[in-house]
């Protein structure tokens, strides 16, 4: 699916299932693409009558890259986070990424969703 506008960025999404079914938003973490979600998981959720939406986070996969504000290597961020210094290297906050998720749901006119993250 083409990217959608969310929180001022273009984010790549994939949708599965029927639009009228309850929604589940899959959020992949640590710079991984939406394609990392096991297809068997997605299929089982669709078979259980859920509308499944997965997306690439900012700076990941086919979503918009913030070249002027590139994130540090994920392993370095994880190390710095373990000692409380990750904010020195992160070009955006977790709250920005939460707003991206809300923007995905808003763009798809979804008012409520279950959230599964990795």
PDB file of N, CA and C in Angstrom:
ATOM      1  N   UNK A   1       0.857  -1.182   0.000  1.00  0.00           N
ATOM      2  CA  UNK A   1       0.000   0.000   0.000  1.00  0.00           C
ATOM      3  C   UNK A   1       0.894   1.233   0.000  1.00  0.00           C
ATOM      4  N   UNK A   2       0.483   2.290  -0.675  1.00  0.00           N
ATOM      5  CA  UNK A   2       1.284   3.518  -0.619  1.00  0.00           C
ATOM      6  C   UNK A   2       1.327   4.062   0.801  1.00  0.00           C
ATOM      7  N   UNK A   3       2.311   4.887   1.059  1.00  0.00           N
ATOM      8  CA  UNK A   3       2.422   5.477   2.381  1.00  0.00           C
ATOM      9  C   UNK A   3       1.259   6.401   2.684  1.00  0.00           C
ATOM     10  N   UNK A   4       1.007   6.590   3.980  1.00  0.00           N
ATOM     11  CA  UNK A   4      -0.030   7.522   4.407  1.00  0.00           C
ATOM     12  C   UNK A   4       0.618   8.624   5.232  1.00  0.00           C
ATOM     13  N   UNK A   5      -0.044   9.746   5.311  1.00  0.00           N
ATOM     14  CA  UNK A   5       0.468  10.865   6.087  1.00  0.00           C
ATOM     15  C   UNK A   5       0.081  10.690   7.544  1.00  0.00           C
ATOM     16  N   UNK A   6       1.077  10.793   8.412  1.00  0.00           N
ATOM     17  CA  UNK A   6       0.857  10.656   9.849  1.00  0.00           C
ATOM     18  C   UNK A   6       1.857  11.525  10.587  1.00  0.00           C
ATOM     19  N   UNK A   7       1.351  12.459  11.390  1.00  0.00           N
ATOM     20  CA  UNK A   7       2.225  13.271  12.232  1.00  0.00           C
ATOM     21  C   UNK A   7       3.266  14.023  11.400  1.00  0.00           C
ATOM     22  N   UNK A   8       2.883  14.434  10.195  1.00  0.00           N
ATOM     23  CA  UNK A   8       3.773  15.191   9.332  1.00  0.00           C
ATOM     24  C   UNK A   8       4.764  14.352   8.545  1.00  0.00           C
ATOM     25  N   UNK A   9       4.645  13.030   8.609  1.00  0.00           N
ATOM     26  CA  UNK A   9       5.556  12.122   7.908  1.00  0.00           C
ATOM     27  C   UNK A   9       4.756  11.191   7.004  1.00  0.00           C
ATOM     28  N   UNK A  10       5.434  10.546   6.074  1.00  0.00           N
ATOM     29  CA  UNK A  10       4.819   9.505   5.263  1.00  0.00           C
ATOM     30  C   UNK A  10       5.272   8.159   5.812  1.00  0.00           C
ATOM     31  N   UNK A  11       4.306   7.369   6.273  1.00  0.00           N
ATOM     32  CA  UNK A  11       4.592   6.066   6.856  1.00  0.00           C
ATOM     33  C   UNK A  11       3.996   4.974   5.983  1.00  0.00           C
ATOM     34  N   UNK A  12       4.769   3.932   5.763  1.00  0.00           N
ATOM     35  CA  UNK A  12       4.318   2.783   4.974  1.00  0.00           C
ATOM     36  C   UNK A  12       3.457   1.889   5.862  1.00  0.00           C
ATOM     37  N   UNK A  13       2.299   1.478   5.327  1.00  0.00           N
ATOM     38  CA  UNK A  13       1.425   0.586   6.089  1.00  0.00           C
ATOM     39  C   UNK A  13       0.989  -0.580   5.215  1.00  0.00           C
ATOM     40  N   UNK A  14       0.548  -1.638   5.872  1.00  0.00           N
ATOM     41  CA  UNK A  14      -0.125  -2.749   5.221  1.00  0.00           C
ATOM     42  C   UNK A  14      -1.353  -3.059   6.053  1.00  0.00           C
ATOM     43  N   UNK A  15      -2.457  -3.343   5.360  1.00  0.00           N
ATOM     44  CA  UNK A  15      -3.713  -3.682   6.021  1.00  0.00           C
ATOM     45  C   UNK A  15      -4.169  -5.068   5.587  1.00  0.00           C
ATOM     46  N   UNK A  16      -4.786  -5.773   6.512  1.00  0.00           N
ATOM     47  CA  UNK A  16      -5.324  -7.101   6.252  1.00  0.00           C
ATOM     48  C   UNK A  16      -6.678  -7.200   6.921  1.00  0.00           C
ATOM     49  N   UNK A  17      -7.560  -7.993   6.356  1.00  0.00           N
ATOM     50  CA  UNK A  17      -8.861  -8.204   6.961  1.00  0.00           C
ATOM     51  C   UNK A  17      -9.894  -7.213   6.471  1.00  0.00           C
ATOM     52  N   UNK A  18     -11.043  -7.223   7.140  1.00  0.00           N
ATOM     53  CA  UNK A  18     -12.174  -6.392   6.753  1.00  0.00           C
ATOM     54  C   UNK A  18     -12.196  -5.098   7.550  1.00  0.00           C
ATOM     55  N   UNK A  19     -12.507  -4.007   6.880  1.00  0.00           N
ATOM     56  CA  UNK A  19     -12.521  -2.686   7.515  1.00  0.00           C
ATOM     57  C   UNK A  19     -13.517  -2.605   8.669  1.00  0.00           C
ATOM     58  N   UNK A  20     -14.571  -3.406   8.646  1.00  0.00           N
ATOM     59  CA  UNK A  20     -15.581  -3.357   9.700  1.00  0.00           C
ATOM     60  C   UNK A  20     -15.230  -4.144  10.948  1.00  0.00           C
ATOM     61  N   UNK A  21     -14.174  -4.938  10.897  1.00  0.00           N
ATOM     62  CA  UNK A  21     -13.777  -5.750  12.053  1.00  0.00           C
ATOM     63  C   UNK A  21     -12.989  -4.903  13.056  1.00  0.00           C
ATOM     64  N   UNK A  22     -12.942  -5.331  14.333  1.00  0.00           N
ATOM     65  CA  UNK A  22     -12.132  -4.611  15.324  1.00  0.00           C
ATOM     66  C   UNK A  22     -10.673  -4.556  14.859  1.00  0.00           C
ATOM     67  N   UNK A  23     -10.033  -3.423  15.119  1.00  0.00           N
ATOM     68  CA  UNK A  23      -8.678  -3.200  14.617  1.00  0.00           C
ATOM     69  C   UNK A  23      -7.607  -3.627  15.619  1.00  0.00           C
ATOM     70  N   UNK A  24      -6.515  -4.120  15.046  1.00  0.00           N
ATOM     71  CA  UNK A  24      -5.292  -4.391  15.800  1.00  0.00           C
ATOM     72  C   UNK A  24      -4.166  -3.672  15.076  1.00  0.00           C
ATOM     73  N   UNK A  25      -3.429  -2.846  15.802  1.00  0.00           N
ATOM     74  CA  UNK A  25      -2.277  -2.138  15.253  1.00  0.00           C
ATOM     75  C   UNK A  25      -1.012  -2.861  15.688  1.00  0.00           C
ATOM     76  N   UNK A  26      -0.230  -3.324  14.720  1.00  0.00           N
ATOM     77  CA  UNK A  26       1.037  -3.995  15.001  1.00  0.00           C
ATOM     78  C   UNK A  26       2.157  -2.972  14.875  1.00  0.00           C
ATOM     79  N   UNK A  27       2.939  -2.823  15.939  1.00  0.00           N
ATOM     80  CA  UNK A  27       4.045  -1.869  15.942  1.00  0.00           C
ATOM     81  C   UNK A  27       5.344  -2.637  16.142  1.00  0.00           C
ATOM     82  N   UNK A  28       6.164  -2.682  15.097  1.00  0.00           N
ATOM     83  CA  UNK A  28       7.449  -3.361  15.162  1.00  0.00           C
ATOM     84  C   UNK A  28       8.473  -2.368  15.705  1.00  0.00           C
ATOM     85  N   UNK A  29       9.358  -2.819  16.525  1.00  0.00           N
ATOM     86  CA  UNK A  29      10.316  -1.909  17.153  1.00  0.00           C
ATOM     87  C   UNK A  29      11.740  -2.095  16.678  1.00  0.00           C
ATOM     88  N   UNK A  30      12.612  -1.290  17.222  1.00  0.00           N
ATOM     89  CA  UNK A  30      14.058  -1.321  17.028  1.00  0.00           C
ATOM     90  C   UNK A  30      14.472  -1.382  15.558  1.00  0.00           C
ATOM     91  N   UNK A  31      13.961  -0.443  14.779  1.00  0.00           N
ATOM     92  CA  UNK A  31      14.342  -0.251  13.376  1.00  0.00           C
ATOM     93  C   UNK A  31      14.005  -1.430  12.472  1.00  0.00           C
ATOM     94  N   UNK A  32      13.094  -2.292  12.903  1.00  0.00           N
ATOM     95  CA  UNK A  32      12.691  -3.435  12.081  1.00  0.00           C
ATOM     96  C   UNK A  32      11.497  -3.042  11.212  1.00  0.00           C
ATOM     97  N   UNK A  33      11.407  -3.653  10.037  1.00  0.00           N
ATOM     98  CA  UNK A  33      10.313  -3.385   9.122  1.00  0.00           C
ATOM     99  C   UNK A  33       9.051  -4.129   9.511  1.00  0.00           C
ATOM    100  N   UNK A  34       7.922  -3.644   9.001  1.00  0.00           N
ATOM    101  CA  UNK A  34       6.639  -4.315   9.247  1.00  0.00           C
ATOM    102  C   UNK A  34       6.642  -5.738   8.720  1.00  0.00           C
ATOM    103  N   UNK A  35       7.503  -6.034   7.762  1.00  0.00           N
ATOM    104  CA  UNK A  35       7.572  -7.378   7.185  1.00  0.00           C
ATOM    105  C   UNK A  35       8.105  -8.419   8.174  1.00  0.00           C
ATOM    106  N   UNK A  36       8.598  -7.979   9.317  1.00  0.00           N
ATOM    107  CA  UNK A  36       9.099  -8.910  10.339  1.00  0.00           C
ATOM    108  C   UNK A  36       7.974  -9.599  11.108  1.00  0.00           C
ATOM    109  N   UNK A  37       6.736  -9.077  10.987  1.00  0.00           N
ATOM    110  CA  UNK A  37       5.618  -9.754  11.643  1.00  0.00           C
ATOM    111  C   UNK A  37       5.373 -11.080  10.934  1.00  0.00           C
ATOM    112  N   UNK A  38       5.353 -12.196  11.666  1.00  0.00           N
ATOM    113  CA  UNK A  38       5.117 -13.498  11.024  1.00  0.00           C
ATOM    114  C   UNK A  38       3.765 -13.525  10.317  1.00  0.00           C
ATOM    115  N   UNK A  39       3.768 -13.950   9.082  1.00  0.00           N
ATOM    116  CA  UNK A  39       2.525 -13.997   8.308  1.00  0.00           C
ATOM    117  C   UNK A  39       1.497 -14.908   8.974  1.00  0.00           C
ATOM    118  N   UNK A  40       1.961 -15.962   9.647  1.00  0.00           N
ATOM    119  CA  UNK A  40       1.035 -16.861  10.350  1.00  0.00           C
ATOM    120  C   UNK A  40       0.287 -16.115  11.462  1.00  0.00           C
ATOM    121  N   UNK A  41       0.968 -15.206  12.138  1.00  0.00           N
ATOM    122  CA  UNK A  41       0.324 -14.395  13.177  1.00  0.00           C
ATOM    123  C   UNK A  41      -0.746 -13.497  12.557  1.00  0.00           C
ATOM    124  N   UNK A  42      -0.356 -12.783  11.492  1.00  0.00           N
ATOM    125  CA  UNK A  42      -1.301 -11.895  10.809  1.00  0.00           C
ATOM    126  C   UNK A  42      -2.519 -12.688  10.328  1.00  0.00           C
ATOM    127  N   UNK A  43      -2.277 -13.822   9.677  1.00  0.00           N
ATOM    128  CA  UNK A  43      -3.378 -14.645   9.162  1.00  0.00           C
ATOM    129  C   UNK A  43      -4.285 -15.137  10.288  1.00  0.00           C
ATOM    130  N   UNK A  44      -3.704 -15.524  11.413  1.00  0.00           N
ATOM    131  CA  UNK A  44      -4.535 -16.017  12.518  1.00  0.00           C
ATOM    132  C   UNK A  44      -5.390 -14.893  13.101  1.00  0.00           C
ATOM    133  N   UNK A  45      -4.871 -13.687  13.132  1.00  0.00           N
ATOM    134  CA  UNK A  45      -5.664 -12.551  13.617  1.00  0.00           C
ATOM    135  C   UNK A  45      -6.802 -12.224  12.648  1.00  0.00           C
ATOM    136  N   UNK A  46      -6.505 -12.264  11.361  1.00  0.00           N
ATOM    137  CA  UNK A  46      -7.540 -12.017  10.349  1.00  0.00           C
ATOM    138  C   UNK A  46      -8.607 -13.111  10.420  1.00  0.00           C
ATOM    139  N   UNK A  47      -8.175 -14.355  10.566  1.00  0.00           N
ATOM    140  CA  UNK A  47      -9.126 -15.470  10.673  1.00  0.00           C
ATOM    141  C   UNK A  47     -10.000 -15.359  11.921  1.00  0.00           C
ATOM    142  N   UNK A  48      -9.480 -14.673  12.949  1.00  0.00           N
ATOM    143  CA  UNK A  48     -10.262 -14.434  14.170  1.00  0.00           C
ATOM    144  C   UNK A  48     -11.121 -13.173  14.031  1.00  0.00           C
ATOM    145  N   UNK A  49     -11.214 -12.659  12.809  1.00  0.00           N
ATOM    146  CA  UNK A  49     -12.051 -11.504  12.454  1.00  0.00           C
ATOM    147  C   UNK A  49     -11.549 -10.185  13.034  1.00  0.00           C
ATOM    148  N   UNK A  50     -10.258  -9.954  12.870  1.00  0.00           N
ATOM    149  CA  UNK A  50      -9.670  -8.658  13.198  1.00  0.00           C
ATOM    150  C   UNK A  50      -9.175  -7.989  11.927  1.00  0.00           C
ATOM    151  N   UNK A  51      -9.236  -6.678  11.929  1.00  0.00           N
ATOM    152  CA  UNK A  51      -8.602  -5.871  10.891  1.00  0.00           C
ATOM    153  C   UNK A  51      -7.196  -5.587  11.406  1.00  0.00           C
ATOM    154  N   UNK A  52      -6.191  -6.001  10.679  1.00  0.00           N
ATOM    155  CA  UNK A  52      -4.805  -5.886  11.124  1.00  0.00           C
ATOM    156  C   UNK A  52      -4.103  -4.803  10.321  1.00  0.00           C
ATOM    157  N   UNK A  53      -3.463  -3.887  11.032  1.00  0.00           N
ATOM    158  CA  UNK A  53      -2.697  -2.808  10.406  1.00  0.00           C
ATOM    159  C   UNK A  53      -1.278  -2.875  10.945  1.00  0.00           C
ATOM    160  N   UNK A  54      -0.319  -2.956  10.045  1.00  0.00           N
ATOM    161  CA  UNK A  54       1.100  -2.920  10.424  1.00  0.00           C
ATOM    162  C   UNK A  54       1.725  -1.732   9.707  1.00  0.00           C
ATOM    163  N   UNK A  55       2.728  -1.123  10.312  1.00  0.00           N
ATOM    164  CA  UNK A  55       3.397  -0.009   9.655  1.00  0.00           C
ATOM    165  C   UNK A  55       4.877   0.026  10.000  1.00  0.00           C
ATOM    166  N   UNK A  56       5.620   0.632   9.094  1.00  0.00           N
ATOM    167  CA  UNK A  56       7.046   0.870   9.342  1.00  0.00           C
ATOM    168  C   UNK A  56       7.169   2.163  10.137  1.00  0.00           C
ATOM    169  N   UNK A  57       7.867   2.107  11.264  1.00  0.00           N
ATOM    170  CA  UNK A  57       8.130   3.314  12.031  1.00  0.00           C
ATOM    171  C   UNK A  57       8.934   4.311  11.207  1.00  0.00           C
ATOM    172  N   UNK A  58       8.945   5.546  11.620  1.00  0.00           N
ATOM    173  CA  UNK A  58       9.809   6.546  10.994  1.00  0.00           C
ATOM    174  C   UNK A  58      11.242   6.012  10.987  1.00  0.00           C
ATOM    175  N   UNK A  59      11.972   6.317   9.950  1.00  0.00           N
ATOM    176  CA  UNK A  59      13.368   5.879   9.777  1.00  0.00           C
ATOM    177  C   UNK A  59      13.521   4.366   9.618  1.00  0.00           C
ATOM    178  N   UNK A  60      12.435   3.663   9.337  1.00  0.00           N
ATOM    179  CA  UNK A  60      12.519   2.210   9.155  1.00  0.00           C
ATOM    180  C   UNK A  60      11.795   1.810   7.874  1.00  0.00           C
ATOM    181  N   UNK A  61      12.311   0.777   7.235  1.00  0.00           N
ATOM    182  CA  UNK A  61      11.641   0.214   6.067  1.00  0.00           C
ATOM    183  C   UNK A  61      11.363   1.230   4.985  1.00  0.00           C
ATOM    184  N   UNK A  62      10.115   1.273   4.534  1.00  0.00           N
ATOM    185  CA  UNK A  62       9.717   2.165   3.446  1.00  0.00           C
ATOM    186  C   UNK A  62       9.128   3.482   3.941  1.00  0.00           C
ATOM    187  N   UNK A  63       9.105   3.689   5.252  1.00  0.00           N
ATOM    188  CA  UNK A  63       8.606   4.956   5.783  1.00  0.00           C
ATOM    189  C   UNK A  63       9.643   6.054   5.593  1.00  0.00           C
ATOM    190  N   UNK A  64       9.174   7.280   5.764  1.00  0.00           N
ATOM    191  CA  UNK A  64      10.029   8.448   5.537  1.00  0.00           C
ATOM    192  C   UNK A  64      11.258   8.434   6.442  1.00  0.00           C
ATOM    193  N   UNK A  65      12.378   8.770   5.838  1.00  0.00           N
ATOM    194  CA  UNK A  65      13.645   8.861   6.567  1.00  0.00           C
ATOM    195  C   UNK A  65      13.883  10.317   6.944  1.00  0.00           C
ATOM    196  N   UNK A  66      14.343  10.527   8.135  1.00  0.00           N
ATOM    197  CA  UNK A  66      14.642  11.868   8.612  1.00  0.00           C
ATOM    198  C   UNK A  66      16.148  12.083   8.491  1.00  0.00           C
ATOM    199  N   UNK A  67      16.602  12.232   7.257  1.00  0.00           N
ATOM    200  CA  UNK A  67      18.032  12.311   6.981  1.00  0.00           C
ATOM    201  C   UNK A  67      18.734  13.399   7.771  1.00  0.00           C
ATOM    202  N   UNK A  68      18.049  14.496   8.026  1.00  0.00           N
ATOM    203  CA  UNK A  68      18.692  15.571   8.776  1.00  0.00           C
ATOM    204  C   UNK A  68      18.741  15.283  10.265  1.00  0.00           C
ATOM    205  N   UNK A  69      18.007  14.260  10.700  1.00  0.00           N
ATOM    206  CA  UNK A  69      17.964  13.913  12.121  1.00  0.00           C
ATOM    207  C   UNK A  69      18.044  12.409  12.280  1.00  0.00           C
ATOM    208  N   UNK A  70      19.040  11.783  11.702  1.00  0.00           N
ATOM    209  CA  UNK A  70      19.144  10.325  11.712  1.00  0.00           C
ATOM    210  C   UNK A  70      19.329   9.798  13.132  1.00  0.00           C
ATOM    211  N   UNK A  71      18.677   8.686  13.392  1.00  0.00           N
ATOM    212  CA  UNK A  71      18.840   8.005  14.673  1.00  0.00           C
ATOM    213  C   UNK A  71      20.197   7.318  14.711  1.00  0.00           C
ATOM    214  N   UNK A  72      20.737   7.218  15.891  1.00  0.00           N
ATOM    215  CA  UNK A  72      21.985   6.491  16.072  1.00  0.00           C
ATOM    216  C   UNK A  72      21.744   5.009  15.856  1.00  0.00           C
ATOM    217  N   UNK A  73      22.804   4.247  15.787  1.00  0.00           N
ATOM    218  CA  UNK A  73      22.660   2.799  15.657  1.00  0.00           C
ATOM    219  C   UNK A  73      21.819   2.264  16.811  1.00  0.00           C
ATOM    220  N   UNK A  74      20.857   1.369  16.528  1.00  0.00           N
ATOM    221  CA  UNK A  74      19.992   0.842  17.591  1.00  0.00           C
ATOM    222  C   UNK A  74      20.777   0.228  18.756  1.00  0.00           C
ATOM    223  N   UNK A  75      21.875  -0.456  18.463  1.00  0.00           N
ATOM    224  CA  UNK A  75      22.647  -1.071  19.546  1.00  0.00           C
ATOM    225  C   UNK A  75      23.270  -0.011  20.449  1.00  0.00           C
ATOM    226  N   UNK A  76      23.708   1.103  19.854  1.00  0.00           N
ATOM    227  CA  UNK A  76      24.274   2.187  20.651  1.00  0.00           C
ATOM    228  C   UNK A  76      23.194   2.846  21.498  1.00  0.00           C
ATOM    229  N   UNK A  77      22.024   3.055  20.913  1.00  0.00           N
ATOM    230  CA  UNK A  77      20.921   3.651  21.667  1.00  0.00           C
ATOM    231  C   UNK A  77      20.539   2.749  22.834  1.00  0.00           C
ATOM    232  N   UNK A  78      20.463   1.433  22.605  1.00  0.00           N
ATOM    233  CA  UNK A  78      20.118   0.495  23.677  1.00  0.00           C
ATOM    234  C   UNK A  78      21.150   0.558  24.803  1.00  0.00           C
ATOM    235  N   UNK A  79      22.413   0.616  24.447  1.00  0.00           N
ATOM    236  CA  UNK A  79      23.470   0.715  25.458  1.00  0.00           C
ATOM    237  C   UNK A  79      23.350   2.022  26.239  1.00  0.00           C
ATOM    238  N   UNK A  80      23.165   3.124  25.522  1.00  0.00           N
ATOM    239  CA  UNK A  80      23.047   4.419  26.187  1.00  0.00           C
ATOM    240  C   UNK A  80      21.782   4.483  27.040  1.00  0.00           C
ATOM    241  N   UNK A  81      20.714   3.833  26.594  1.00  0.00           N
ATOM    242  CA  UNK A  81      19.482   3.796  27.369  1.00  0.00           C
ATOM    243  C   UNK A  81      19.695   3.059  28.684  1.00  0.00           C
ATOM    244  N   UNK A  82      20.501   2.009  28.658  1.00  0.00           N
ATOM    245  CA  UNK A  82      20.734   1.216  29.871  1.00  0.00           C
ATOM    246  C   UNK A  82      21.438   2.029  30.961  1.00  0.00           C
ATOM    247  N   UNK A  83      22.111   3.099  30.574  1.00  0.00           N
ATOM    248  CA  UNK A  83      22.769   3.969  31.557  1.00  0.00           C
ATOM    249  C   UNK A  83      22.095   5.343  31.633  1.00  0.00           C
ATOM    250  N   UNK A  84      20.901   5.447  31.037  1.00  0.00           N
ATOM    251  CA  UNK A  84      20.119   6.671  31.148  1.00  0.00           C
ATOM    252  C   UNK A  84      20.539   7.820  30.257  1.00  0.00           C
ATOM    253  N   UNK A  85      21.279   7.539  29.189  1.00  0.00           N
ATOM    254  CA  UNK A  85      21.771   8.613  28.334  1.00  0.00           C
ATOM    255  C   UNK A  85      21.241   8.575  26.907  1.00  0.00           C
ATOM    256  N   UNK A  86      20.245   7.760  26.628  1.00  0.00           N
ATOM    257  CA  UNK A  86      19.756   7.612  25.255  1.00  0.00           C
ATOM    258  C   UNK A  86      19.230   8.917  24.692  1.00  0.00           C
ATOM    259  N   UNK A  87      18.662   9.774  25.536  1.00  0.00           N
ATOM    260  CA  UNK A  87      18.086  11.015  25.032  1.00  0.00           C
ATOM    261  C   UNK A  87      19.141  11.920  24.401  1.00  0.00           C
ATOM    262  N   UNK A  88      20.414  11.693  24.717  1.00  0.00           N
ATOM    263  CA  UNK A  88      21.478  12.488  24.098  1.00  0.00           C
ATOM    264  C   UNK A  88      21.646  12.160  22.623  1.00  0.00           C
ATOM    265  N   UNK A  89      21.210  10.963  22.193  1.00  0.00           N
ATOM    266  CA  UNK A  89      21.430  10.503  20.833  1.00  0.00           C
ATOM    267  C   UNK A  89      20.154  10.396  20.005  1.00  0.00           C
ATOM    268  N   UNK A  90      19.009  10.330  20.653  1.00  0.00           N
ATOM    269  CA  UNK A  90      17.755  10.131  19.917  1.00  0.00           C
ATOM    270  C   UNK A  90      17.308  11.434  19.259  1.00  0.00           C
ATOM    271  N   UNK A  91      17.029  11.407  17.950  1.00  0.00           N
ATOM    272  CA  UNK A  91      16.595  12.625  17.268  1.00  0.00           C
ATOM    273  C   UNK A  91      15.112  12.923  17.462  1.00  0.00           C
ATOM    274  N   UNK A  92      14.382  12.001  18.090  1.00  0.00           N
ATOM    275  CA  UNK A  92      12.968  12.201  18.392  1.00  0.00           C
ATOM    276  C   UNK A  92      12.653  11.348  19.602  1.00  0.00           C
ATOM    277  N   UNK A  93      11.501  11.621  20.182  1.00  0.00           N
ATOM    278  CA  UNK A  93      11.126  10.968  21.430  1.00  0.00           C
ATOM    279  C   UNK A  93      10.114   9.854  21.198  1.00  0.00           C
ATOM    280  N   UNK A  94       9.956   9.032  22.197  1.00  0.00           N
ATOM    281  CA  UNK A  94       8.952   7.977  22.155  1.00  0.00           C
ATOM    282  C   UNK A  94       7.562   8.590  21.970  1.00  0.00           C
ATOM    283  N   UNK A  95       7.335   9.748  22.562  1.00  0.00           N
ATOM    284  CA  UNK A  95       6.032  10.406  22.404  1.00  0.00           C
ATOM    285  C   UNK A  95       5.780  10.789  20.942  1.00  0.00           C
ATOM    286  N   UNK A  96       6.834  11.126  20.185  1.00  0.00           N
ATOM    287  CA  UNK A  96       6.678  11.401  18.754  1.00  0.00           C
ATOM    288  C   UNK A  96       6.224  10.145  18.022  1.00  0.00           C
ATOM    289  N   UNK A  97       6.807   9.025  18.384  1.00  0.00           N
ATOM    290  CA  UNK A  97       6.452   7.767  17.737  1.00  0.00           C
ATOM    291  C   UNK A  97       5.048   7.321  18.136  1.00  0.00           C
ATOM    292  N   UNK A  98       4.631   7.623  19.368  1.00  0.00           N
ATOM    293  CA  UNK A  98       3.255   7.331  19.777  1.00  0.00           C
ATOM    294  C   UNK A  98       2.287   8.166  18.937  1.00  0.00           C
ATOM    295  N   UNK A  99       2.642   9.423  18.684  1.00  0.00           N
ATOM    296  CA  UNK A  99       1.804  10.269  17.834  1.00  0.00           C
ATOM    297  C   UNK A  99       1.753   9.738  16.402  1.00  0.00           C
ATOM    298  N   UNK A 100       2.848   9.139  15.935  1.00  0.00           N
ATOM    299  CA  UNK A 100       2.834   8.503  14.606  1.00  0.00           C
ATOM    300  C   UNK A 100       1.776   7.399  14.567  1.00  0.00           C
ATOM    301  N   UNK A 101       1.730   6.588  15.621  1.00  0.00           N
ATOM    302  CA  UNK A 101       0.756   5.492  15.689  1.00  0.00           C
ATOM    303  C   UNK A 101      -0.671   6.031  15.690  1.00  0.00           C
ATOM    304  N   UNK A 102      -0.902   7.068  16.463  1.00  0.00           N
ATOM    305  CA  UNK A 102      -2.229   7.685  16.501  1.00  0.00           C
ATOM    306  C   UNK A 102      -2.577   8.248  15.129  1.00  0.00           C
ATOM    307  N   UNK A 103      -1.590   8.838  14.466  1.00  0.00           N
ATOM    308  CA  UNK A 103      -1.810   9.378  13.132  1.00  0.00           C
ATOM    309  C   UNK A 103      -2.175   8.306  12.118  1.00  0.00           C
ATOM    310  N   UNK A 104      -1.580   7.129  12.234  1.00  0.00           N
ATOM    311  CA  UNK A 104      -1.935   6.006  11.349  1.00  0.00           C
ATOM    312  C   UNK A 104      -3.403   5.656  11.556  1.00  0.00           C
ATOM    313  N   UNK A 105      -3.809   5.521  12.809  1.00  0.00           N
ATOM    314  CA  UNK A 105      -5.201   5.182  13.094  1.00  0.00           C
ATOM    315  C   UNK A 105      -6.142   6.283  12.610  1.00  0.00           C
ATOM    316  N   UNK A 106      -5.782   7.534  12.840  1.00  0.00           N
ATOM    317  CA  UNK A 106      -6.619   8.654  12.382  1.00  0.00           C
ATOM    318  C   UNK A 106      -6.764   8.653  10.867  1.00  0.00           C
ATOM    319  N   UNK A 107      -5.653   8.429  10.157  1.00  0.00           N
ATOM    320  CA  UNK A 107      -5.691   8.434   8.685  1.00  0.00           C
ATOM    321  C   UNK A 107      -6.599   7.343   8.143  1.00  0.00           C
ATOM    322  N   UNK A 108      -6.748   6.261   8.899  1.00  0.00           N
ATOM    323  CA  UNK A 108      -7.599   5.147   8.480  1.00  0.00           C
ATOM    324  C   UNK A 108      -8.987   5.225   9.110  1.00  0.00           C
ATOM    325  N   UNK A 109      -9.278   6.334   9.803  1.00  0.00           N
ATOM    326  CA  UNK A 109     -10.571   6.555  10.462  1.00  0.00           C
ATOM    327  C   UNK A 109     -10.900   5.449  11.466  1.00  0.00           C
ATOM    328  N   UNK A 110      -9.880   5.024  12.210  1.00  0.00           N
ATOM    329  CA  UNK A 110     -10.051   4.009  13.251  1.00  0.00           C
ATOM    330  C   UNK A 110     -10.051   4.718  14.597  1.00  0.00           C
ATOM    331  N   UNK A 111     -11.146   4.582  15.332  1.00  0.00           N
ATOM    332  CA  UNK A 111     -11.288   5.277  16.613  1.00  0.00           C
ATOM    333  C   UNK A 111     -10.713   4.495  17.785  1.00  0.00           C
ATOM    334  N   UNK A 112     -10.719   3.164  17.665  1.00  0.00           N
ATOM    335  CA  UNK A 112     -10.209   2.307  18.735  1.00  0.00           C
ATOM    336  C   UNK A 112      -9.448   1.155  18.116  1.00  0.00           C
ATOM    337  N   UNK A 113      -8.384   0.724  18.800  1.00  0.00           N
ATOM    338  CA  UNK A 113      -7.618  -0.416  18.297  1.00  0.00           C
ATOM    339  C   UNK A 113      -6.893  -1.099  19.451  1.00  0.00           C
ATOM    340  N   UNK A 114      -6.740  -2.388  19.299  1.00  0.00           N
ATOM    341  CA  UNK A 114      -5.827  -3.122  20.161  1.00  0.00           C
ATOM    342  C   UNK A 114      -4.430  -2.847  19.618  1.00  0.00           C
ATOM    343  N   UNK A 115      -3.426  -2.885  20.480  1.00  0.00           N
ATOM    344  CA  UNK A 115      -2.053  -2.617  20.045  1.00  0.00           C
ATOM    345  C   UNK A 115      -1.169  -3.790  20.452  1.00  0.00           C
ATOM    346  N   UNK A 116      -0.394  -4.267  19.489  1.00  0.00           N
ATOM    347  CA  UNK A 116       0.592  -5.317  19.758  1.00  0.00           C
ATOM    348  C   UNK A 116       1.935  -4.783  19.297  1.00  0.00           C
ATOM    349  N   UNK A 117       2.912  -4.827  20.187  1.00  0.00           N
ATOM    350  CA  UNK A 117       4.236  -4.310  19.842  1.00  0.00           C
ATOM    351  C   UNK A 117       5.322  -5.335  20.071  1.00  0.00           C
ATOM    352  N   UNK A 118       6.414  -5.145  19.360  1.00  0.00           N
ATOM    353  CA  UNK A 118       7.582  -6.009  19.530  1.00  0.00           C
ATOM    354  C   UNK A 118       8.804  -5.135  19.689  1.00  0.00           C
TER     355      UNK A 118
END
